[in-house]
C-alpha cells in the first residue's frame, strides 16, 4: 500500500478545497499559519489512522493497536498523548479493578471527518494513477 505522509495530503486538500487561487497569487501569511497549525496537530502517518479507528467508537489501547496495523505501542502512546493535547481525543480512566483506560474521539476530532473522506477518495484516485489503472 502506498502511504503518503498525512501532512502532505492534508495540506493539498486544504489548499485545493479552500483557496485554489492561493498558489497562483502567492498565498497569504494567515493561510500559511493555519495550514502550519493543522499540519503540526496531525503530523505523521499515524494520527489520522488513530482518529479513523476511534470514529467507530471508544476503544482501549490494545484495540487501537490491533486496528492500526504496524504501529508500535511506544509510538501509539506518544500519538495518543499528542491527540489528547490537541483536544482531538479524550482519555478516560474508568473506576474499576483493575483500572481501565478508554479513548474516544471528541467533537473537535470528528470535525476532521470531511478531511478523512477526502483523503480516502484522493487516495483511491492516487492509487489508480500510480498503478496505471
N, C-alpha and C. Protein backbone atom coordinates (compact mmCIF):
# COMPACT_ATOMS: atom_id res chain seq x y z
N UNK A 1 0.85 -1.18 0.00
CA UNK A 1 0.00 0.00 0.00
C UNK A 1 0.89 1.24 0.00
N UNK A 2 0.59 2.14 -0.86
CA UNK A 2 1.36 3.37 -0.94
C UNK A 2 0.78 4.36 0.05
N UNK A 3 1.61 4.79 1.01
CA UNK A 3 1.15 5.75 2.00
C UNK A 3 1.90 7.06 1.83
N UNK A 4 1.17 8.13 1.66
CA UNK A 4 1.80 9.44 1.67
C UNK A 4 1.68 9.98 3.07
N UNK A 5 2.63 10.78 3.48
CA UNK A 5 2.52 11.40 4.80
C UNK A 5 1.24 12.19 4.87
N UNK A 6 0.56 12.07 6.01
CA UNK A 6 -0.73 12.74 6.16
C UNK A 6 -0.59 14.25 6.02
N UNK A 7 0.54 14.80 6.37
CA UNK A 7 0.68 16.26 6.28
C UNK A 7 0.71 16.73 4.84
N UNK A 8 1.26 15.93 3.95
CA UNK A 8 1.29 16.31 2.53
C UNK A 8 -0.13 16.29 1.97
N UNK A 9 -0.84 15.21 2.22
CA UNK A 9 -2.18 15.07 1.69
C UNK A 9 -3.12 16.11 2.30
N UNK A 10 -3.00 16.32 3.61
CA UNK A 10 -3.85 17.30 4.26
C UNK A 10 -3.60 18.69 3.71
N UNK A 11 -2.34 19.04 3.53
CA UNK A 11 -2.05 20.38 3.01
C UNK A 11 -2.58 20.54 1.59
N UNK A 12 -2.47 19.49 0.78
CA UNK A 12 -3.02 19.55 -0.57
C UNK A 12 -4.54 19.72 -0.53
N UNK A 13 -5.20 18.98 0.32
CA UNK A 13 -6.65 19.07 0.42
C UNK A 13 -7.08 20.47 0.85
N UNK A 14 -6.43 21.00 1.87
CA UNK A 14 -6.78 22.33 2.35
C UNK A 14 -6.60 23.37 1.25
N UNK A 15 -5.47 23.32 0.60
CA UNK A 15 -5.19 24.29 -0.46
C UNK A 15 -6.20 24.18 -1.59
N UNK A 16 -6.47 22.96 -2.05
CA UNK A 16 -7.37 22.78 -3.18
C UNK A 16 -8.82 23.10 -2.84
N UNK A 17 -9.26 22.75 -1.65
CA UNK A 17 -10.66 22.95 -1.29
C UNK A 17 -10.98 24.39 -0.89
N UNK A 18 -10.08 25.04 -0.23
CA UNK A 18 -10.38 26.36 0.32
C UNK A 18 -9.94 27.53 -0.55
N UNK A 19 -8.78 27.42 -1.17
CA UNK A 19 -8.25 28.56 -1.93
C UNK A 19 -7.43 28.08 -3.11
N UNK A 20 -8.09 27.67 -4.18
CA UNK A 20 -7.36 27.20 -5.35
C UNK A 20 -6.45 28.28 -5.92
N UNK A 21 -6.89 29.52 -5.86
CA UNK A 21 -6.10 30.61 -6.43
C UNK A 21 -4.94 31.02 -5.53
N UNK A 22 -4.94 30.55 -4.30
CA UNK A 22 -3.92 30.95 -3.34
C UNK A 22 -2.50 30.69 -3.86
N UNK A 23 -2.28 29.57 -4.52
CA UNK A 23 -0.94 29.23 -5.01
C UNK A 23 -0.50 30.23 -6.08
N UNK A 24 -1.38 30.49 -7.03
CA UNK A 24 -1.04 31.40 -8.12
C UNK A 24 -0.80 32.82 -7.63
N UNK A 25 -1.49 33.22 -6.58
CA UNK A 25 -1.35 34.59 -6.06
C UNK A 25 -0.31 34.70 -4.96
N UNK A 26 0.33 33.63 -4.62
CA UNK A 26 1.37 33.69 -3.60
C UNK A 26 0.87 33.46 -2.19
N UNK A 27 -0.43 33.22 -1.99
CA UNK A 27 -0.96 32.94 -0.66
C UNK A 27 -0.92 34.15 0.24
N UNK A 28 -1.26 33.91 1.49
CA UNK A 28 -1.18 34.97 2.48
C UNK A 28 -0.64 34.38 3.78
N UNK A 29 0.00 35.19 4.61
CA UNK A 29 0.60 34.68 5.84
C UNK A 29 -0.40 33.99 6.77
N UNK A 30 -1.64 34.50 6.86
CA UNK A 30 -2.63 33.88 7.75
C UNK A 30 -2.99 32.48 7.28
N UNK A 31 -3.12 32.30 5.97
CA UNK A 31 -3.43 30.98 5.43
C UNK A 31 -2.29 30.02 5.71
N UNK A 32 -1.07 30.47 5.53
CA UNK A 32 0.07 29.61 5.79
C UNK A 32 0.14 29.23 7.27
N UNK A 33 -0.16 30.16 8.15
CA UNK A 33 -0.14 29.87 9.59
C UNK A 33 -1.19 28.83 9.96
N UNK A 34 -2.39 28.95 9.41
CA UNK A 34 -3.44 27.98 9.73
C UNK A 34 -3.10 26.60 9.19
N UNK A 35 -2.50 26.54 8.01
CA UNK A 35 -2.07 25.26 7.46
C UNK A 35 -0.97 24.66 8.33
N UNK A 36 -0.04 25.49 8.76
CA UNK A 36 1.04 25.02 9.64
C UNK A 36 0.47 24.46 10.94
N UNK A 37 -0.51 25.15 11.52
CA UNK A 37 -1.14 24.68 12.76
C UNK A 37 -1.80 23.31 12.55
N UNK A 38 -2.53 23.16 11.43
CA UNK A 38 -3.19 21.89 11.13
C UNK A 38 -2.17 20.77 10.94
N UNK A 39 -1.11 21.07 10.21
CA UNK A 39 -0.09 20.06 9.95
C UNK A 39 0.60 19.64 11.24
N UNK A 40 0.87 20.57 12.13
CA UNK A 40 1.52 20.23 13.40
C UNK A 40 0.61 19.36 14.27
N UNK A 41 -0.69 19.63 14.26
CA UNK A 41 -1.63 18.84 15.07
C UNK A 41 -1.79 17.43 14.53
N UNK A 42 -1.61 17.25 13.19
CA UNK A 42 -1.87 15.96 12.56
C UNK A 42 -0.64 15.33 11.93
N UNK A 43 0.55 15.86 12.23
CA UNK A 43 1.76 15.39 11.57
C UNK A 43 1.99 13.89 11.79
N UNK A 44 2.67 13.30 10.84
CA UNK A 44 2.99 11.88 10.91
C UNK A 44 1.95 11.03 10.21
N UNK A 45 2.25 9.76 10.09
CA UNK A 45 1.34 8.88 9.35
C UNK A 45 0.33 8.17 10.23
N UNK A 46 0.39 8.36 11.56
CA UNK A 46 -0.46 7.58 12.45
C UNK A 46 -1.69 8.31 12.97
N UNK A 47 -1.62 9.60 13.17
CA UNK A 47 -2.69 10.30 13.87
C UNK A 47 -4.05 10.19 13.18
N UNK A 48 -4.10 10.38 11.89
CA UNK A 48 -5.37 10.27 11.18
C UNK A 48 -5.90 8.84 11.20
N UNK A 49 -5.01 7.86 11.17
CA UNK A 49 -5.45 6.46 11.26
C UNK A 49 -6.00 6.15 12.64
N UNK A 50 -5.41 6.71 13.67
CA UNK A 50 -5.92 6.53 15.04
C UNK A 50 -7.30 7.18 15.17
N UNK A 51 -7.44 8.39 14.64
CA UNK A 51 -8.74 9.07 14.68
C UNK A 51 -9.79 8.27 13.90
N UNK A 52 -9.41 7.72 12.77
CA UNK A 52 -10.33 6.90 11.98
C UNK A 52 -10.79 5.69 12.80
N UNK A 53 -9.87 5.07 13.52
CA UNK A 53 -10.20 3.94 14.37
C UNK A 53 -11.19 4.34 15.47
N UNK A 54 -10.94 5.48 16.09
CA UNK A 54 -11.79 5.93 17.19
C UNK A 54 -13.14 6.48 16.72
N UNK A 55 -13.25 6.81 15.45
CA UNK A 55 -14.52 7.33 14.93
C UNK A 55 -15.62 6.28 15.03
N UNK A 56 -15.26 5.01 15.07
CA UNK A 56 -16.24 3.92 15.18
C UNK A 56 -16.75 3.77 16.61
N UNK A 57 -16.07 4.38 17.57
CA UNK A 57 -16.49 4.29 18.97
C UNK A 57 -15.31 4.21 19.89
N UNK A 58 -15.55 4.38 21.20
CA UNK A 58 -14.46 4.34 22.18
C UNK A 58 -13.72 3.00 22.16
N UNK A 59 -12.42 3.07 22.40
CA UNK A 59 -11.60 1.86 22.39
C UNK A 59 -10.53 1.94 23.46
N UNK A 60 -10.07 0.78 23.87
CA UNK A 60 -8.93 0.68 24.77
C UNK A 60 -7.65 0.65 23.94
N UNK A 61 -6.53 0.85 24.60
CA UNK A 61 -5.23 0.95 23.95
C UNK A 61 -4.96 -0.22 23.01
N UNK A 62 -5.13 -1.44 23.49
CA UNK A 62 -4.81 -2.62 22.69
C UNK A 62 -5.75 -2.78 21.49
N UNK A 63 -6.98 -2.33 21.63
CA UNK A 63 -7.91 -2.37 20.49
C UNK A 63 -7.41 -1.45 19.38
N UNK A 64 -6.98 -0.25 19.78
CA UNK A 64 -6.45 0.69 18.78
C UNK A 64 -5.19 0.11 18.14
N UNK A 65 -4.34 -0.47 18.97
CA UNK A 65 -3.09 -1.05 18.49
C UNK A 65 -3.34 -2.14 17.46
N UNK A 66 -4.35 -2.96 17.66
CA UNK A 66 -4.68 -4.02 16.71
C UNK A 66 -5.25 -3.45 15.40
N UNK A 67 -6.06 -2.39 15.51
CA UNK A 67 -6.68 -1.81 14.31
C UNK A 67 -5.72 -1.01 13.45
N UNK A 68 -4.77 -0.34 14.09
CA UNK A 68 -3.80 0.49 13.36
C UNK A 68 -2.55 -0.38 13.14
N UNK A 69 -2.60 -1.17 12.11
CA UNK A 69 -1.54 -2.15 11.83
C UNK A 69 -0.20 -1.47 11.63
N UNK A 70 0.83 -2.02 12.29
CA UNK A 70 2.19 -1.55 12.09
C UNK A 70 2.68 -0.55 13.13
N UNK A 71 1.78 -0.02 13.94
CA UNK A 71 2.20 0.97 14.94
C UNK A 71 2.73 0.24 16.19
N UNK A 72 3.82 0.76 16.74
CA UNK A 72 4.35 0.18 17.97
C UNK A 72 3.61 0.76 19.17
N UNK A 73 3.65 0.06 20.29
CA UNK A 73 2.99 0.56 21.50
C UNK A 73 3.58 1.90 21.95
N UNK A 74 4.88 2.04 21.82
CA UNK A 74 5.54 3.29 22.22
C UNK A 74 5.05 4.45 21.35
N UNK A 75 4.98 4.23 20.05
CA UNK A 75 4.51 5.28 19.13
C UNK A 75 3.04 5.57 19.37
N UNK A 76 2.23 4.54 19.57
CA UNK A 76 0.81 4.74 19.83
C UNK A 76 0.60 5.58 21.08
N UNK A 77 1.34 5.28 22.12
CA UNK A 77 1.24 6.05 23.36
C UNK A 77 1.57 7.52 23.13
N UNK A 78 2.65 7.78 22.40
CA UNK A 78 3.07 9.15 22.10
C UNK A 78 2.01 9.87 21.26
N UNK A 79 1.48 9.20 20.26
CA UNK A 79 0.48 9.82 19.39
C UNK A 79 -0.82 10.08 20.13
N UNK A 80 -1.23 9.17 21.01
CA UNK A 80 -2.45 9.39 21.80
C UNK A 80 -2.30 10.62 22.70
N UNK A 81 -1.13 10.78 23.31
CA UNK A 81 -0.89 11.96 24.15
C UNK A 81 -0.96 13.24 23.32
N UNK A 82 -0.40 13.22 22.13
CA UNK A 82 -0.43 14.39 21.26
C UNK A 82 -1.86 14.71 20.83
N UNK A 83 -2.63 13.69 20.47
CA UNK A 83 -4.03 13.90 20.07
C UNK A 83 -4.85 14.45 21.23
N UNK A 84 -4.56 13.97 22.43
CA UNK A 84 -5.26 14.47 23.61
C UNK A 84 -4.89 15.92 23.89
N UNK A 85 -3.63 16.26 23.76
CA UNK A 85 -3.17 17.64 23.94
C UNK A 85 -3.85 18.58 22.96
N UNK A 86 -4.08 18.11 21.74
CA UNK A 86 -4.72 18.92 20.71
C UNK A 86 -6.25 18.83 20.76
N UNK A 87 -6.78 18.23 21.84
CA UNK A 87 -8.23 18.15 22.09
C UNK A 87 -8.98 17.38 21.01
N UNK A 88 -8.29 16.45 20.35
CA UNK A 88 -8.92 15.65 19.31
C UNK A 88 -9.48 14.34 19.85
N UNK A 89 -8.95 13.89 21.01
CA UNK A 89 -9.46 12.70 21.67
C UNK A 89 -9.56 12.95 23.17
N UNK A 90 -10.38 12.12 23.82
CA UNK A 90 -10.48 12.11 25.28
C UNK A 90 -9.87 10.83 25.80
N UNK A 91 -9.21 10.94 26.94
CA UNK A 91 -8.70 9.77 27.65
C UNK A 91 -9.49 9.68 28.94
N UNK A 92 -10.17 8.56 29.14
CA UNK A 92 -11.00 8.39 30.32
C UNK A 92 -10.54 7.17 31.11
N UNK A 93 -10.28 7.38 32.41
CA UNK A 93 -9.93 6.28 33.28
C UNK A 93 -11.21 5.82 33.96
N UNK A 94 -11.61 4.59 33.69
CA UNK A 94 -12.82 4.03 34.27
C UNK A 94 -12.48 3.46 35.64
N UNK A 95 -13.26 3.86 36.64
CA UNK A 95 -13.02 3.42 38.02
C UNK A 95 -13.47 1.98 38.17
N UNK A 96 -12.54 1.07 37.98
CA UNK A 96 -12.82 -0.36 38.11
C UNK A 96 -11.55 -1.04 38.60
N UNK A 97 -11.64 -2.32 38.88
CA UNK A 97 -10.44 -3.06 39.26
C UNK A 97 -10.23 -4.17 38.26
N UNK A 98 -9.12 -4.21 37.58
CA UNK A 98 -8.10 -3.15 37.53
C UNK A 98 -8.63 -1.94 36.77
N UNK A 99 -7.99 -0.78 36.98
CA UNK A 99 -8.44 0.43 36.29
C UNK A 99 -8.38 0.22 34.77
N UNK A 100 -9.35 0.78 34.08
CA UNK A 100 -9.45 0.63 32.62
C UNK A 100 -9.35 2.02 31.99
N UNK A 101 -8.52 2.15 30.96
CA UNK A 101 -8.38 3.42 30.24
C UNK A 101 -9.02 3.25 28.87
N UNK A 102 -9.84 4.22 28.52
CA UNK A 102 -10.58 4.18 27.27
C UNK A 102 -10.38 5.51 26.54
N UNK A 103 -10.23 5.43 25.22
CA UNK A 103 -10.04 6.62 24.39
C UNK A 103 -11.25 6.80 23.49
N UNK A 104 -11.63 8.06 23.27
CA UNK A 104 -12.74 8.36 22.37
C UNK A 104 -12.43 9.65 21.62
N UNK A 105 -13.04 9.78 20.47
CA UNK A 105 -12.83 10.97 19.66
C UNK A 105 -13.75 12.09 20.17
N UNK A 106 -13.26 13.30 20.17
CA UNK A 106 -14.04 14.45 20.61
C UNK A 106 -14.82 15.04 19.42
N UNK A 107 -15.77 15.92 19.69
CA UNK A 107 -16.44 16.61 18.57
C UNK A 107 -15.43 17.37 17.69
N UNK A 108 -14.40 17.93 18.34
CA UNK A 108 -13.36 18.62 17.57
C UNK A 108 -12.63 17.63 16.64
N UNK A 109 -12.36 16.43 17.14
CA UNK A 109 -11.75 15.40 16.30
C UNK A 109 -12.68 14.95 15.19
N UNK A 110 -13.97 14.88 15.48
CA UNK A 110 -14.95 14.49 14.46
C UNK A 110 -15.06 15.54 13.36
N UNK A 111 -14.64 16.77 13.67
CA UNK A 111 -14.69 17.81 12.64
C UNK A 111 -13.73 17.51 11.49
N UNK A 112 -12.87 16.53 11.66
CA UNK A 112 -11.95 16.11 10.59
C UNK A 112 -12.57 15.07 9.67
N UNK A 113 -13.84 14.75 9.87
CA UNK A 113 -14.50 13.72 9.07
C UNK A 113 -14.41 14.00 7.57
N UNK A 114 -14.64 15.25 7.17
CA UNK A 114 -14.57 15.59 5.74
C UNK A 114 -13.14 15.44 5.21
N UNK A 115 -12.17 15.76 6.05
CA UNK A 115 -10.76 15.60 5.65
C UNK A 115 -10.48 14.12 5.40
N UNK A 116 -10.94 13.26 6.32
CA UNK A 116 -10.71 11.82 6.16
C UNK A 116 -11.42 11.29 4.92
N UNK A 117 -12.65 11.75 4.68
CA UNK A 117 -13.36 11.34 3.47
C UNK A 117 -12.60 11.74 2.23
N UNK A 118 -12.15 12.99 2.17
CA UNK A 118 -11.41 13.47 1.00
C UNK A 118 -10.08 12.74 0.83
N UNK A 119 -9.40 12.43 1.94
CA UNK A 119 -8.16 11.66 1.85
C UNK A 119 -8.44 10.28 1.27
N UNK A 120 -9.54 9.68 1.70
CA UNK A 120 -9.92 8.36 1.18
C UNK A 120 -10.11 8.43 -0.34
N UNK A 121 -10.91 9.39 -0.80
CA UNK A 121 -11.19 9.49 -2.23
C UNK A 121 -9.93 9.86 -3.02
N UNK A 122 -9.14 10.77 -2.48
CA UNK A 122 -7.90 11.14 -3.16
C UNK A 122 -6.95 9.94 -3.20
N UNK A 123 -6.89 9.19 -2.11
CA UNK A 123 -6.03 8.00 -2.07
C UNK A 123 -6.41 6.97 -3.10
N UNK A 124 -7.72 6.78 -3.31
CA UNK A 124 -8.17 5.86 -4.36
C UNK A 124 -7.74 6.34 -5.74
N UNK A 125 -7.94 7.63 -6.01
CA UNK A 125 -7.52 8.19 -7.29
C UNK A 125 -6.00 8.08 -7.48
N UNK A 126 -5.28 8.38 -6.42
CA UNK A 126 -3.82 8.34 -6.48
C UNK A 126 -3.33 6.91 -6.73
N UNK A 127 -3.91 5.95 -6.02
CA UNK A 127 -3.51 4.55 -6.21
C UNK A 127 -3.75 4.11 -7.64
N UNK A 128 -4.91 4.48 -8.20
CA UNK A 128 -5.22 4.13 -9.58
C UNK A 128 -4.25 4.78 -10.55
N UNK A 129 -3.89 6.03 -10.30
CA UNK A 129 -2.96 6.74 -11.19
C UNK A 129 -1.57 6.10 -11.13
N UNK A 130 -1.10 5.80 -9.94
CA UNK A 130 0.23 5.21 -9.75
C UNK A 130 0.29 3.79 -10.33
N UNK A 131 -0.78 3.03 -10.11
CA UNK A 131 -0.79 1.65 -10.59
C UNK A 131 -1.13 1.56 -12.07
N UNK A 132 -1.44 2.69 -12.70
CA UNK A 132 -1.68 2.71 -14.14
C UNK A 132 -3.07 2.24 -14.55
N UNK A 133 -4.01 2.38 -13.64
CA UNK A 133 -5.38 1.94 -13.97
C UNK A 133 -6.22 3.09 -14.44
